C-alpha atoms as a PDB file:
ATOM      1  CA  LEU A   1     144.201  94.148 171.695  1.00  0.00           C
ATOM      2  CA  ALA A   2     145.161  95.550 168.309  1.00  0.00           C
ATOM      3  CA  VAL A   3     142.435  93.418 166.738  1.00  0.00           C
ATOM      4  CA  ALA A   4     139.845  94.461 169.319  1.00  0.00           C
ATOM      5  CA  LEU A   5     140.322  98.205 168.837  1.00  0.00           C
ATOM      6  CA  PRO A   6     138.701  98.514 165.379  1.00  0.00           C
ATOM      7  CA  LEU A   7     135.739  96.462 166.608  1.00  0.00           C
ATOM      8  CA  ALA A   8     135.338  98.665 169.674  1.00  0.00           C
ATOM      9  CA  ALA A   9     135.583 101.765 167.508  1.00  0.00           C
ATOM     10  CA  ALA A  10     132.831 100.441 165.248  1.00  0.00           C
ATOM     11  CA  LEU A  11     130.375  99.709 168.053  1.00  0.00           C
ATOM     12  CA  PRO A  12     129.121 103.287 168.669  1.00  0.00           C
ATOM     13  CA  ALA A  13     128.374 103.702 164.950  1.00  0.00           C
ATOM     14  CA  ALA A  14     125.722 101.000 165.159  1.00  0.00           C
ATOM     15  CA  ALA A  15     123.669 103.124 167.543  1.00  0.00           C
ATOM     16  CA  GLN A  16     124.084 106.486 165.811  1.00  0.00           C
ATOM     17  CA  THR A  17     121.204 108.430 164.317  1.00  0.00           C
ATOM     18  CA  THR A  18     120.814 108.291 160.539  1.00  0.00           C
ATOM     19  CA  ASP A  19     120.749 111.725 158.879  1.00  0.00           C
ATOM     20  CA  LEU A  20     118.964 112.037 155.527  1.00  0.00           C
ATOM     21  CA  ALA A  21     118.654 115.503 153.985  1.00  0.00           C
ATOM     22  CA  GLY A  22     118.676 116.955 157.513  1.00  0.00           C
ATOM     23  CA  VAL A  23     116.065 114.503 158.829  1.00  0.00           C
ATOM     24  CA  LYS A  24     117.294 112.382 161.721  1.00  0.00           C
ATOM     25  CA  TYR A  25     116.184 108.784 162.246  1.00  0.00           C
ATOM     26  CA  GLU A  26     116.883 107.397 165.691  1.00  0.00           C
ATOM     27  CA  PRO A  27     118.395 103.880 165.844  1.00  0.00           C
ATOM     28  CA  ALA A  28     115.444 102.635 167.938  1.00  0.00           C
ATOM     29  CA  ALA A  29     111.733 103.331 168.421  1.00  0.00           C
ATOM     30  CA  SER A  30     108.977 102.053 170.691  1.00  0.00           C
ATOM     31  CA  VAL A  31     105.676 100.872 169.199  1.00  0.00           C
ATOM     32  CA  GLY A  32     102.941  99.003 171.049  1.00  0.00           C
ATOM     33  CA  GLY A  33     105.218  98.389 174.007  1.00  0.00           C
ATOM     34  CA  GLY A  34     107.860  96.746 171.822  1.00  0.00           C
ATOM     35  CA  LYS A  35     111.336  98.110 171.137  1.00  0.00           C
ATOM     36  CA  LEU A  36     112.138  98.339 167.439  1.00  0.00           C
ATOM     37  CA  VAL A  37     115.374  98.922 165.544  1.00  0.00           C
ATOM     38  CA  LEU A  38     115.861 100.979 162.393  1.00  0.00           C
ATOM     39  CA  ASN A  39     115.990  98.433 159.588  1.00  0.00           C
ATOM     40  CA  GLY A  40     116.845 101.000 156.921  1.00  0.00           C
ATOM     41  CA  ALA A  41     116.039 104.516 155.754  1.00  0.00           C
ATOM     42  CA  GLY A  42     116.191 106.386 152.472  1.00  0.00           C
ATOM     43  CA  ILE A  43     114.870 109.220 150.343  1.00  0.00           C
ATOM     44  CA  ARG A  44     111.945 109.065 147.923  1.00  0.00           C
ATOM     45  CA  TYR A  45     112.815 110.857 144.704  1.00  0.00           C
ATOM     46  CA  LYS A  46     110.590 112.086 141.894  1.00  0.00           C
ATOM     47  CA  ALA A  47     113.008 112.557 138.990  1.00  0.00           C
ATOM     48  CA  ILE A  48     115.862 114.385 140.756  1.00  0.00           C
ATOM     49  CA  PHE A  49     113.645 116.024 143.392  1.00  0.00           C
ATOM     50  CA  LYS A  50     113.596 114.805 146.971  1.00  0.00           C
ATOM     51  CA  VAL A  51     109.987 114.243 148.075  1.00  0.00           C
ATOM     52  CA  TYR A  52     110.247 112.588 151.489  1.00  0.00           C
ATOM     53  CA  THR A  53     112.429 110.434 153.698  1.00  0.00           C
ATOM     54  CA  ALA A  54     111.238 107.062 154.953  1.00  0.00           C
ATOM     55  CA  GLY A  55     112.493 104.803 157.729  1.00  0.00           C
ATOM     56  CA  LEU A  56     111.401 101.258 158.509  1.00  0.00           C
ATOM     57  CA  TYR A  57     111.472  99.998 162.104  1.00  0.00           C
ATOM     58  CA  LEU A  58     111.203  96.305 163.005  1.00  0.00           C
ATOM     59  CA  ALA A  59     111.760  94.140 166.086  1.00  0.00           C
ATOM     60  CA  ALA A  60     114.781  92.581 164.336  1.00  0.00           C
ATOM     61  CA  LYS A  61     116.617  93.367 161.094  1.00  0.00           C
ATOM     62  CA  ALA A  62     115.240  91.902 157.870  1.00  0.00           C
ATOM     63  CA  ALA A  63     116.950  91.978 154.455  1.00  0.00           C
ATOM     64  CA  THR A  64     114.110  90.938 152.110  1.00  0.00           C
ATOM     65  CA  PRO A  65     110.522  92.137 151.607  1.00  0.00           C
ATOM     66  CA  GLU A  66     109.276  88.663 152.546  1.00  0.00           C
ATOM     67  CA  ALA A  67     111.222  88.739 155.815  1.00  0.00           C
ATOM     68  CA  VAL A  68     109.889  92.219 156.629  1.00  0.00           C
ATOM     69  CA  LEU A  69     106.272  91.176 156.080  1.00  0.00           C
ATOM     70  CA  ALA A  70     106.691  87.910 157.980  1.00  0.00           C
ATOM     71  CA  ALA A  71     108.576  89.490 160.898  1.00  0.00           C
ATOM     72  CA  PRO A  72     106.774  89.078 164.249  1.00  0.00           C
ATOM     73  CA  GLY A  73     106.028  91.965 166.552  1.00  0.00           C
ATOM     74  CA  PRO A  74     105.157  95.618 165.944  1.00  0.00           C
ATOM     75  CA  LYS A  75     106.390  97.517 162.879  1.00  0.00           C
ATOM     76  CA  ARG A  76     106.603 101.183 161.905  1.00  0.00           C
ATOM     77  CA  MET A  77     107.083 103.078 158.658  1.00  0.00           C
ATOM     78  CA  HIS A  78     108.011 106.683 159.459  1.00  0.00           C
ATOM     79  CA  ILE A  79     107.886 109.329 156.721  1.00  0.00           C
ATOM     80  CA  VAL A  80     109.044 112.953 156.851  1.00  0.00           C
ATOM     81  CA  MET A  81     108.134 115.325 154.034  1.00  0.00           C
ATOM     82  CA  LEU A  82     110.943 117.195 152.289  1.00  0.00           C
ATOM     83  CA  ARG A  83     108.589 119.346 150.189  1.00  0.00           C
ATOM     84  CA  ASP A  84     104.962 120.432 150.373  1.00  0.00           C
ATOM     85  CA  ILE A  85     102.599 117.932 148.773  1.00  0.00           C
ATOM     86  CA  ASP A  86      98.861 117.719 148.200  1.00  0.00           C
ATOM     87  CA  ALA A  87      97.743 115.159 150.793  1.00  0.00           C
ATOM     88  CA  ASN A  88      94.790 114.004 148.689  1.00  0.00           C
ATOM     89  CA  GLU A  89      97.121 113.326 145.753  1.00  0.00           C
ATOM     90  CA  LEU A  90      99.482 111.417 148.056  1.00  0.00           C
ATOM     91  CA  GLY A  91      96.538 109.309 149.245  1.00  0.00           C
ATOM     92  CA  LYS A  92      95.668 108.470 145.622  1.00  0.00           C
ATOM     93  CA  LEU A  93      99.287 107.506 144.895  1.00  0.00           C
ATOM     94  CA  PHE A  94      99.293 105.213 147.927  1.00  0.00           C
ATOM     95  CA  THR A  95      96.078 103.533 146.771  1.00  0.00           C
ATOM     96  CA  ARG A  96      97.523 103.028 143.282  1.00  0.00           C
ATOM     97  CA  GLY A  97     100.748 101.659 144.773  1.00  0.00           C
ATOM     98  CA  MET A  98      98.782  99.160 146.839  1.00  0.00           C
ATOM     99  CA  GLU A  99      96.781  98.061 143.791  1.00  0.00           C
ATOM    100  CA  ASP A 100      99.962  97.656 141.726  1.00  0.00           C
ATOM    101  CA  ASN A 101     101.724  95.478 144.302  1.00  0.00           C
ATOM    102  CA  ALA A 102      99.210  93.592 146.446  1.00  0.00           C
ATOM    103  CA  PRO A 103      97.558  90.371 145.221  1.00  0.00           C
ATOM    104  CA  ARG A 104      93.889  90.918 144.379  1.00  0.00           C
ATOM    105  CA  GLU A 105      92.625  89.011 147.429  1.00  0.00           C
ATOM    106  CA  GLU A 106      94.911  90.911 149.799  1.00  0.00           C
ATOM    107  CA  PHE A 107      93.922  94.254 148.292  1.00  0.00           C
ATOM    108  CA  SER A 108      90.210  93.405 148.498  1.00  0.00           C
ATOM    109  CA  LYS A 109      90.606  92.789 152.240  1.00  0.00           C
ATOM    110  CA  SER A 110      92.381  96.150 152.506  1.00  0.00           C
ATOM    111  CA  ILE A 111      89.696  98.271 150.849  1.00  0.00           C
ATOM    112  CA  ALA A 112      87.958  99.374 154.080  1.00  0.00           C
ATOM    113  CA  GLY A 113      91.300 100.499 155.534  1.00  0.00           C
ATOM    114  CA  THR A 114      92.303 102.135 152.254  1.00  0.00           C
ATOM    115  CA  LEU A 115      89.109 104.213 152.277  1.00  0.00           C
ATOM    116  CA  ARG A 116      89.813 105.350 155.847  1.00  0.00           C
ATOM    117  CA  LEU A 117      93.347 106.341 154.825  1.00  0.00           C
ATOM    118  CA  SER A 118      92.025 108.231 151.777  1.00  0.00           C
ATOM    119  CA  ASP A 119      89.508 110.097 153.965  1.00  0.00           C
ATOM    120  CA  LEU A 120      92.300 111.027 156.373  1.00  0.00           C
ATOM    121  CA  PHE A 121      94.501 112.483 153.630  1.00  0.00           C
ATOM    122  CA  SER A 122      91.532 114.261 152.011  1.00  0.00           C
ATOM    123  CA  ALA A 123      90.749 115.982 155.317  1.00  0.00           C
ATOM    124  CA  LYS A 124      94.396 116.918 155.866  1.00  0.00           C
ATOM    125  CA  LYS A 125      94.539 118.736 152.479  1.00  0.00           C
ATOM    126  CA  LYS A 126      98.294 119.319 152.500  1.00  0.00           C
ATOM    127  CA  LEU A 127     101.412 117.861 154.038  1.00  0.00           C
ATOM    128  CA  LEU A 128     104.066 120.526 154.477  1.00  0.00           C
ATOM    129  CA  ALA A 129     107.834 120.131 154.344  1.00  0.00           C
ATOM    130  CA  GLY A 130     108.978 119.027 157.792  1.00  0.00           C
ATOM    131  CA  GLU A 131     105.672 117.357 158.698  1.00  0.00           C
ATOM    132  CA  ASN A 132     105.723 113.631 159.341  1.00  0.00           C
ATOM    133  CA  PHE A 133     103.473 110.630 159.546  1.00  0.00           C
ATOM    134  CA  SER A 134     103.943 107.113 160.811  1.00  0.00           C
ATOM    135  CA  VAL A 135     102.129 103.902 159.982  1.00  0.00           C
ATOM    136  CA  ASP A 136     102.259 101.653 163.067  1.00  0.00           C
ATOM    137  CA  PHE A 137     101.246  98.003 163.111  1.00  0.00           C
ATOM    138  CA  VAL A 138     100.703  96.122 166.378  1.00  0.00           C
ATOM    139  CA  PRO A 139      99.791  92.412 166.169  1.00  0.00           C
ATOM    140  CA  GLY A 140      96.351  91.692 167.568  1.00  0.00           C
ATOM    141  CA  GLN A 141      95.376  95.375 167.388  1.00  0.00           C
ATOM    142  CA  GLY A 142      95.933  96.525 163.827  1.00  0.00           C
ATOM    143  CA  THR A 143      97.292  99.560 162.006  1.00  0.00           C
ATOM    144  CA  ASN A 144      97.166 103.181 163.101  1.00  0.00           C
ATOM    145  CA  VAL A 145      98.362 106.297 161.342  1.00  0.00           C
ATOM    146  CA  LEU A 146     100.015 109.107 163.289  1.00  0.00           C
ATOM    147  CA  ILE A 147     100.440 112.589 161.811  1.00  0.00           C
ATOM    148  CA  ASN A 148     103.078 114.662 163.580  1.00  0.00           C
ATOM    149  CA  GLY A 149     102.996 112.112 166.408  1.00  0.00           C
ATOM    150  CA  LYS A 150      99.213 112.171 166.972  1.00  0.00           C
ATOM    151  CA  PRO A 151      97.147 108.990 166.318  1.00  0.00           C
ATOM    152  CA  GLN A 152      94.472 109.655 163.696  1.00  0.00           C
ATOM    153  CA  PHE A 153      92.153 106.693 164.248  1.00  0.00           C
ATOM    154  CA  GLU A 154      90.247 105.979 167.461  1.00  0.00           C
ATOM    155  CA  GLN A 155      90.099 102.335 166.375  1.00  0.00           C
ATOM    156  CA  PRO A 156      93.034 100.831 164.459  1.00  0.00           C
ATOM    157  CA  ILE A 157      92.438  99.242 161.058  1.00  0.00           C
ATOM    158  CA  LYS A 158      92.149  95.627 162.155  1.00  0.00           C
ATOM    159  CA  GLU A 159      92.855  93.731 158.907  1.00  0.00           C
ATOM    160  CA  PRO A 160      96.543  92.671 158.843  1.00  0.00           C
ATOM    161  CA  GLU A 161      96.272  92.590 155.038  1.00  0.00           C
ATOM    162  CA  PHE A 162      95.997  96.387 155.055  1.00  0.00           C
ATOM    163  CA  PHE A 163      99.425  96.901 156.609  1.00  0.00           C
ATOM    164  CA  SER A 164     100.944  94.266 154.327  1.00  0.00           C
ATOM    165  CA  ALA A 165      99.462  95.902 151.222  1.00  0.00           C
ATOM    166  CA  LEU A 166     100.604  99.330 152.408  1.00  0.00           C
ATOM    167  CA  MET A 167     104.195  98.150 152.945  1.00  0.00           C
ATOM    168  CA  LYS A 168     104.263  96.781 149.407  1.00  0.00           C
ATOM    169  CA  ILE A 169     104.016 100.370 148.109  1.00  0.00           C
ATOM    170  CA  TRP A 170     107.700 100.605 149.083  1.00  0.00           C
ATOM    171  CA  LEU A 171     108.752  96.952 149.204  1.00  0.00           C
ATOM    172  CA  GLY A 172     106.671  95.291 146.471  1.00  0.00           C
ATOM    173  CA  LYS A 173     107.643  94.154 142.979  1.00  0.00           C
ATOM    174  CA  ASN A 174     106.697  97.570 141.549  1.00  0.00           C
ATOM    175  CA  PRO A 175     107.886  99.872 144.352  1.00  0.00           C
ATOM    176  CA  ALA A 176     107.370 103.623 144.408  1.00  0.00           C
ATOM    177  CA  ASP A 177     111.165 104.016 144.267  1.00  0.00           C
ATOM    178  CA  ALA A 178     113.511 101.069 143.681  1.00  0.00           C
ATOM    179  CA  MET A 179     116.449 102.780 145.393  1.00  0.00           C
ATOM    180  CA  LEU A 180     114.303 103.596 148.430  1.00  0.00           C
ATOM    181  CA  LYS A 181     113.266  99.937 148.586  1.00  0.00           C
ATOM    182  CA  GLU A 182     116.927  98.915 148.784  1.00  0.00           C
ATOM    183  CA  ALA A 183     117.597 101.530 151.470  1.00  0.00           C
ATOM    184  CA  LEU A 184     114.648 100.370 153.613  1.00  0.00           C
ATOM    185  CA  LEU A 185     116.038  96.835 153.428  1.00  0.00           C
ATOM    186  CA  GLY A 186     119.304  98.124 154.877  1.00  0.00           C
ATOM    187  CA  LYS A 187     121.309  98.183 151.647  1.00  0.00           C
ATOM    188  CA  ALA A 188     123.588 101.120 150.928  1.00  0.00           C
ATOM    189  CA  PRO A 189     122.478 103.348 148.012  1.00  0.00           C
ATOM    190  CA  THR A 190     124.793 103.437 145.010  1.00  0.00           C
ATOM    191  CA  ALA A 191     123.116 104.469 141.772  1.00  0.00           C
ATOM    192  CA  ARG A 192     121.830 107.850 142.935  1.00  0.00           C
ATOM    193  CA  ASP A 193     125.039 109.306 144.387  1.00  0.00           C
ATOM    194  CA  PRO A 194     125.277 112.044 141.704  1.00  0.00           C
ATOM    195  CA  PHE A 195     122.038 113.564 143.015  1.00  0.00           C
ATOM    196  CA  GLN A 196     123.006 113.506 146.697  1.00  0.00           C
ATOM    197  CA  ASN A 197     123.827 116.874 148.180  1.00  0.00           C
END
């Protein structure tokens, strides 16, 4: 019994929400009829400034970028802004991140989807602190983008290469933020503790 108590005490923690700079990430989400678990979540920094939080949801936990991309079932990347940002500029940064990380062939198959994403951010003009967007992938259907919970495309972006290239912005060899990459893969942050508040 004495051995069982610490295990029992640890069980509720596994299902708790994750709080990042006041943004709460639930331990589970539903995408395309599938139940997903929070793989990891972290904060995107620019120098010492917090820009946004990001959480990655998968059908089952994955500890490497390769495992994330190969994982079956639906996937979601959920982002919540921590400061106002020019949406058009964010769209350009995403495109550059995809180019920097995706193999040429994969990126070429993603161009149509990338243009649709750029048009979406151009029309949005600005993402305000507290606003959120999700990138949802459902096998056999494609990728949709939701802003503040509302789907933005009538027809999902069908090419699976688009979602893969998009994920490599955060999980590729040249990620937007190396510490965020580790956090999304479920690893505890260490190097940036002095800037946490």
